[in-house]
């Protein structure tokens, strides 16, 4: 069973923190979701899931491009 005392929201590569933050705001903007700089506790679970899901989709796409030798990725 998972340890409930640890956070799953940690950045594994600290150098990527700013890029992840920028991607989150870019994706939210694309989806028409308003994010504040800082706390977003008023964000619905649905919107948070949409933002996170689209971020994952973009990261997978960027990795696939890198693995295929294409260099069209921004992340």
Protein backbone atom coordinates (compact mmCIF):
# COMPACT_ATOMS: atom_id res chain seq x y z
CA UNK A 1 0.00 0.00 0.00
CA UNK A 2 1.24 3.52 -0.78
CA UNK A 3 2.65 5.76 1.91
CA UNK A 4 0.03 8.50 2.43
CA UNK A 5 2.53 10.82 4.14
CA UNK A 6 4.47 11.66 0.96
CA UNK A 7 3.43 14.13 -1.70
CA UNK A 8 3.09 13.08 -5.33
CA UNK A 9 3.36 16.70 -6.53
CA UNK A 10 7.13 16.88 -6.34
CA UNK A 11 9.29 17.96 -9.26
CA UNK A 12 11.84 15.17 -9.79
CA UNK A 13 14.17 17.41 -11.80
CA UNK A 14 14.40 20.78 -10.01
CA UNK A 15 15.84 22.43 -13.14
CA UNK A 16 12.50 21.76 -14.88
CA UNK A 17 10.40 23.61 -12.27
CA UNK A 18 10.01 26.82 -14.29
CA UNK A 19 9.26 24.97 -17.54
CA UNK A 20 6.58 22.88 -15.79
CA UNK A 21 5.04 26.01 -14.28
CA UNK A 22 5.00 27.71 -17.69
CA UNK A 23 3.53 24.62 -19.36
CA UNK A 24 0.77 24.42 -16.75
CA UNK A 25 -0.23 28.03 -17.37
CA UNK A 26 0.01 27.63 -21.15
CA UNK A 27 -2.22 24.54 -21.12
CA UNK A 28 -4.71 26.21 -18.76
CA UNK A 29 -4.85 29.22 -21.07
CA UNK A 30 -5.44 26.95 -24.10
CA UNK A 31 -8.32 25.31 -22.23
CA UNK A 32 -9.79 28.61 -21.08
CA UNK A 33 -9.09 27.87 -17.41
CA UNK A 34 -7.94 30.79 -15.25
CA UNK A 35 -5.02 30.02 -12.95
CA UNK A 36 -3.71 32.33 -10.25
CA UNK A 37 -0.03 32.76 -9.52
CA UNK A 38 0.15 30.70 -6.35
CA UNK A 39 -2.77 28.94 -4.66
CA UNK A 40 -5.50 27.55 -6.91
CA UNK A 41 -7.62 25.72 -4.34
CA UNK A 42 -10.79 26.97 -5.99
CA UNK A 43 -9.98 25.04 -9.19
CA UNK A 44 -12.45 22.25 -9.89
CA UNK A 45 -11.21 18.67 -10.01
CA UNK A 46 -12.43 18.47 -13.59
CA UNK A 47 -10.34 21.48 -14.68
CA UNK A 48 -7.29 20.31 -12.74
CA UNK A 49 -7.57 16.92 -14.44
CA UNK A 50 -7.92 18.50 -17.85
CA UNK A 51 -4.81 20.62 -17.29
CA UNK A 52 -2.76 17.70 -15.95
CA UNK A 53 -3.93 15.33 -18.67
CA UNK A 54 -3.03 17.77 -21.42
CA UNK A 55 0.36 18.41 -19.83
CA UNK A 56 1.07 14.67 -19.84
CA UNK A 57 -0.07 14.43 -23.46
CA UNK A 58 2.34 17.23 -24.46
CA UNK A 59 5.23 15.69 -22.52
CA UNK A 60 4.69 12.29 -24.13
CA UNK A 61 4.50 13.91 -27.56
CA UNK A 62 7.75 15.82 -26.92
CA UNK A 63 9.51 12.65 -25.76
CA UNK A 64 8.27 10.71 -28.80
CA UNK A 65 9.63 13.46 -31.06
CA UNK A 66 12.97 13.38 -29.29
CA UNK A 67 13.16 9.59 -29.54
CA UNK A 68 12.29 9.67 -33.24
CA UNK A 69 14.93 12.30 -33.99
CA UNK A 70 12.45 15.07 -34.80
CA UNK A 71 13.33 18.35 -33.18
CA UNK A 72 9.97 20.12 -33.21
CA UNK A 73 9.44 20.10 -29.47
CA UNK A 74 9.26 23.17 -27.25
CA UNK A 75 9.58 21.23 -23.96
